[in-house]
Amino acid sequence: MEAYCFKCRDKREIQAPQQVTLKNGRPATQGVCPVCGTKVFRIGKS
């Protein structure tokens, strides 16, 4: 699954993805950018 990295300004494959649930109950995926190490986040089911 890919997410947009704001530091690299490009779409990157999510490294170490974790399924999380937002306060409103929507599913999301959180992980780390493999290039710069910044947290990346994508809303929606994977």
PDB file of N, CA and C in Angstrom:
ATOM      1  N   MET A   1       0.844  -1.181   0.000  1.00  0.00           N
ATOM      2  CA  MET A   1       0.000   0.000   0.000  1.00  0.00           C
ATOM      3  C   MET A   1       0.887   1.242   0.000  1.00  0.00           C
ATOM      4  N   GLU A   2       0.461   2.240  -0.748  1.00  0.00           N
ATOM      5  CA  GLU A   2       1.234   3.468  -0.849  1.00  0.00           C
ATOM      6  C   GLU A   2       0.559   4.603  -0.098  1.00  0.00           C
ATOM      7  N   ALA A   3       1.370   5.532   0.376  1.00  0.00           N
ATOM      8  CA  ALA A   3       0.886   6.744   1.022  1.00  0.00           C
ATOM      9  C   ALA A   3       1.774   7.899   0.576  1.00  0.00           C
ATOM     10  N   TYR A   4       1.247   9.108   0.628  1.00  0.00           N
ATOM     11  CA  TYR A   4       2.004  10.285   0.220  1.00  0.00           C
ATOM     12  C   TYR A   4       2.905  10.742   1.362  1.00  0.00           C
ATOM     13  N   CYS A   5       4.205  10.869   1.084  1.00  0.00           N
ATOM     14  CA  CYS A   5       5.156  11.377   2.074  1.00  0.00           C
ATOM     15  C   CYS A   5       5.319  12.874   1.838  1.00  0.00           C
ATOM     16  N   PHE A   6       4.999  13.675   2.837  1.00  0.00           N
ATOM     17  CA  PHE A   6       5.068  15.129   2.689  1.00  0.00           C
ATOM     18  C   PHE A   6       6.506  15.642   2.692  1.00  0.00           C
ATOM     19  N   LYS A   7       7.421  14.901   3.291  1.00  0.00           N
ATOM     20  CA  LYS A   7       8.821  15.318   3.314  1.00  0.00           C
ATOM     21  C   LYS A   7       9.485  15.044   1.961  1.00  0.00           C
ATOM     22  N   CYS A   8       9.239  13.858   1.391  1.00  0.00           N
ATOM     23  CA  CYS A   8       9.796  13.497   0.079  1.00  0.00           C
ATOM     24  C   CYS A   8       8.988  14.098  -1.077  1.00  0.00           C
ATOM     25  N   ARG A   9       7.736  14.467  -0.793  1.00  0.00           N
ATOM     26  CA  ARG A   9       6.797  14.968  -1.793  1.00  0.00           C
ATOM     27  C   ARG A   9       6.587  13.954  -2.921  1.00  0.00           C
ATOM     28  N   ASP A  10       6.379  12.705  -2.522  1.00  0.00           N
ATOM     29  CA  ASP A  10       6.157  11.635  -3.479  1.00  0.00           C
ATOM     30  C   ASP A  10       5.395  10.503  -2.802  1.00  0.00           C
ATOM     31  N   LYS A  11       4.761   9.640  -3.594  1.00  0.00           N
ATOM     32  CA  LYS A  11       4.085   8.468  -3.034  1.00  0.00           C
ATOM     33  C   LYS A  11       5.137   7.399  -2.757  1.00  0.00           C
ATOM     34  N   ARG A  12       5.065   6.817  -1.586  1.00  0.00           N
ATOM     35  CA  ARG A  12       6.014   5.782  -1.171  1.00  0.00           C
ATOM     36  C   ARG A  12       5.262   4.575  -0.625  1.00  0.00           C
ATOM     37  N   GLU A  13       5.867   3.410  -0.732  1.00  0.00           N
ATOM     38  CA  GLU A  13       5.318   2.194  -0.146  1.00  0.00           C
ATOM     39  C   GLU A  13       5.428   2.308   1.370  1.00  0.00           C
ATOM     40  N   ILE A  14       4.365   1.954   2.092  1.00  0.00           N
ATOM     41  CA  ILE A  14       4.371   2.069   3.547  1.00  0.00           C
ATOM     42  C   ILE A  14       5.207   0.944   4.146  1.00  0.00           C
ATOM     43  N   GLN A  15       6.176   1.318   4.969  1.00  0.00           N
ATOM     44  CA  GLN A  15       7.019   0.346   5.665  1.00  0.00           C
ATOM     45  C   GLN A  15       6.462   0.173   7.081  1.00  0.00           C
ATOM     46  N   ALA A  16       6.391  -1.044   7.561  1.00  0.00           N
ATOM     47  CA  ALA A  16       5.857  -1.389   8.891  1.00  0.00           C
ATOM     48  C   ALA A  16       4.435  -0.860   9.053  1.00  0.00           C
ATOM     49  N   PRO A  17       3.511  -1.256   8.156  1.00  0.00           N
ATOM     50  CA  PRO A  17       2.137  -0.737   8.248  1.00  0.00           C
ATOM     51  C   PRO A  17       1.385  -1.276   9.458  1.00  0.00           C
ATOM     52  N   GLN A  18       0.562  -0.422  10.052  1.00  0.00           N
ATOM     53  CA  GLN A  18      -0.277  -0.801  11.187  1.00  0.00           C
ATOM     54  C   GLN A  18      -1.687  -0.317  10.912  1.00  0.00           C
ATOM     55  N   GLN A  19      -2.662  -1.175  11.167  1.00  0.00           N
ATOM     56  CA  GLN A  19      -4.062  -0.796  11.020  1.00  0.00           C
ATOM     57  C   GLN A  19      -4.481  -0.022  12.260  1.00  0.00           C
ATOM     58  N   VAL A  20      -5.057   1.160  12.059  1.00  0.00           N
ATOM     59  CA  VAL A  20      -5.541   1.981  13.164  1.00  0.00           C
ATOM     60  C   VAL A  20      -6.977   2.391  12.869  1.00  0.00           C
ATOM     61  N   THR A  21      -7.698   2.803  13.893  1.00  0.00           N
ATOM     62  CA  THR A  21      -9.069   3.286  13.745  1.00  0.00           C
ATOM     63  C   THR A  21      -9.119   4.722  14.246  1.00  0.00           C
ATOM     64  N   LEU A  22      -9.685   5.587  13.431  1.00  0.00           N
ATOM     65  CA  LEU A  22      -9.817   6.990  13.815  1.00  0.00           C
ATOM     66  C   LEU A  22     -10.931   7.153  14.843  1.00  0.00           C
ATOM     67  N   LYS A  23     -10.998   8.327  15.449  1.00  0.00           N
ATOM     68  CA  LYS A  23     -12.017   8.598  16.468  1.00  0.00           C
ATOM     69  C   LYS A  23     -13.431   8.414  15.938  1.00  0.00           C
ATOM     70  N   ASN A  24     -13.632   8.727  14.659  1.00  0.00           N
ATOM     71  CA  ASN A  24     -14.969   8.611  14.081  1.00  0.00           C
ATOM     72  C   ASN A  24     -15.271   7.194  13.586  1.00  0.00           C
ATOM     73  N   GLY A  25     -14.348   6.253  13.808  1.00  0.00           N
ATOM     74  CA  GLY A  25     -14.581   4.859  13.454  1.00  0.00           C
ATOM     75  C   GLY A  25     -14.066   4.437  12.093  1.00  0.00           C
ATOM     76  N   ARG A  26     -13.524   5.361  11.322  1.00  0.00           N
ATOM     77  CA  ARG A  26     -13.004   5.014   9.995  1.00  0.00           C
ATOM     78  C   ARG A  26     -11.665   4.296  10.114  1.00  0.00           C
ATOM     79  N   PRO A  27     -11.419   3.306   9.261  1.00  0.00           N
ATOM     80  CA  PRO A  27     -10.129   2.609   9.288  1.00  0.00           C
ATOM     81  C   PRO A  27      -9.043   3.431   8.594  1.00  0.00           C
ATOM     82  N   ALA A  28      -7.795   3.227   9.007  1.00  0.00           N
ATOM     83  CA  ALA A  28      -6.657   3.915   8.405  1.00  0.00           C
ATOM     84  C   ALA A  28      -5.415   3.048   8.554  1.00  0.00           C
ATOM     85  N   THR A  29      -4.381   3.391   7.806  1.00  0.00           N
ATOM     86  CA  THR A  29      -3.109   2.679   7.877  1.00  0.00           C
ATOM     87  C   THR A  29      -2.014   3.684   8.186  1.00  0.00           C
ATOM     88  N   GLN A  30      -1.169   3.345   9.131  1.00  0.00           N
ATOM     89  CA  GLN A  30      -0.082   4.225   9.555  1.00  0.00           C
ATOM     90  C   GLN A  30       1.223   3.451   9.427  1.00  0.00           C
ATOM     91  N   GLY A  31       2.288   4.133   9.021  1.00  0.00           N
ATOM     92  CA  GLY A  31       3.577   3.475   8.886  1.00  0.00           C
ATOM     93  C   GLY A  31       4.700   4.484   8.764  1.00  0.00           C
ATOM     94  N   VAL A  32       5.801   4.045   8.132  1.00  0.00           N
ATOM     95  CA  VAL A  32       7.002   4.863   8.015  1.00  0.00           C
ATOM     96  C   VAL A  32       7.440   4.904   6.554  1.00  0.00           C
ATOM     97  N   CYS A  33       7.936   6.048   6.121  1.00  0.00           N
ATOM     98  CA  CYS A  33       8.492   6.185   4.772  1.00  0.00           C
ATOM     99  C   CYS A  33       9.839   5.469   4.732  1.00  0.00           C
ATOM    100  N   PRO A  34      10.065   4.570   3.763  1.00  0.00           N
ATOM    101  CA  PRO A  34      11.327   3.832   3.706  1.00  0.00           C
ATOM    102  C   PRO A  34      12.529   4.690   3.311  1.00  0.00           C
ATOM    103  N   VAL A  35      12.299   5.845   2.703  1.00  0.00           N
ATOM    104  CA  VAL A  35      13.399   6.693   2.244  1.00  0.00           C
ATOM    105  C   VAL A  35      13.888   7.648   3.332  1.00  0.00           C
ATOM    106  N   CYS A  36      12.942   8.410   3.935  1.00  0.00           N
ATOM    107  CA  CYS A  36      13.348   9.447   4.893  1.00  0.00           C
ATOM    108  C   CYS A  36      13.014   9.117   6.346  1.00  0.00           C
ATOM    109  N   GLY A  37      12.155   8.112   6.579  1.00  0.00           N
ATOM    110  CA  GLY A  37      11.836   7.721   7.946  1.00  0.00           C
ATOM    111  C   GLY A  37      10.714   8.511   8.588  1.00  0.00           C
ATOM    112  N   THR A  38      10.043   9.371   7.821  1.00  0.00           N
ATOM    113  CA  THR A  38       8.928  10.159   8.336  1.00  0.00           C
ATOM    114  C   THR A  38       7.680   9.289   8.444  1.00  0.00           C
ATOM    115  N   LYS A  39       6.794   9.622   9.406  1.00  0.00           N
ATOM    116  CA  LYS A  39       5.539   8.904   9.540  1.00  0.00           C
ATOM    117  C   LYS A  39       4.646   9.224   8.337  1.00  0.00           C
ATOM    118  N   VAL A  40       4.043   8.185   7.754  1.00  0.00           N
ATOM    119  CA  VAL A  40       3.075   8.376   6.688  1.00  0.00           C
ATOM    120  C   VAL A  40       1.747   7.767   7.124  1.00  0.00           C
ATOM    121  N   PHE A  41       0.656   8.273   6.558  1.00  0.00           N
ATOM    122  CA  PHE A  41      -0.671   7.927   7.023  1.00  0.00           C
ATOM    123  C   PHE A  41      -1.616   7.900   5.838  1.00  0.00           C
ATOM    124  N   ARG A  42      -2.478   6.885   5.786  1.00  0.00           N
ATOM    125  CA  ARG A  42      -3.467   6.809   4.720  1.00  0.00           C
ATOM    126  C   ARG A  42      -4.806   6.396   5.302  1.00  0.00           C
ATOM    127  N   ILE A  43      -5.829   7.187   4.996  1.00  0.00           N
ATOM    128  CA  ILE A  43      -7.178   6.886   5.467  1.00  0.00           C
ATOM    129  C   ILE A  43      -7.836   5.938   4.479  1.00  0.00           C
ATOM    130  N   GLY A  44      -8.539   4.953   4.998  1.00  0.00           N
ATOM    131  CA  GLY A  44      -9.237   3.997   4.151  1.00  0.00           C
ATOM    132  C   GLY A  44      -8.752   2.588   4.407  1.00  0.00           C
ATOM    133  N   LYS A  45      -9.565   1.633   4.008  1.00  0.00           N
ATOM    134  CA  LYS A  45      -9.236   0.230   4.224  1.00  0.00           C
ATOM    135  C   LYS A  45      -8.149  -0.205   3.252  1.00  0.00           C
ATOM    136  N   SER A  46      -7.223  -1.029   3.722  1.00  0.00           N
ATOM    137  CA  SER A  46      -6.131  -1.473   2.854  1.00  0.00           C
ATOM    138  C   SER A  46      -6.456  -2.741   2.123  1.00  0.00           C
TER     139      SER A  46
END
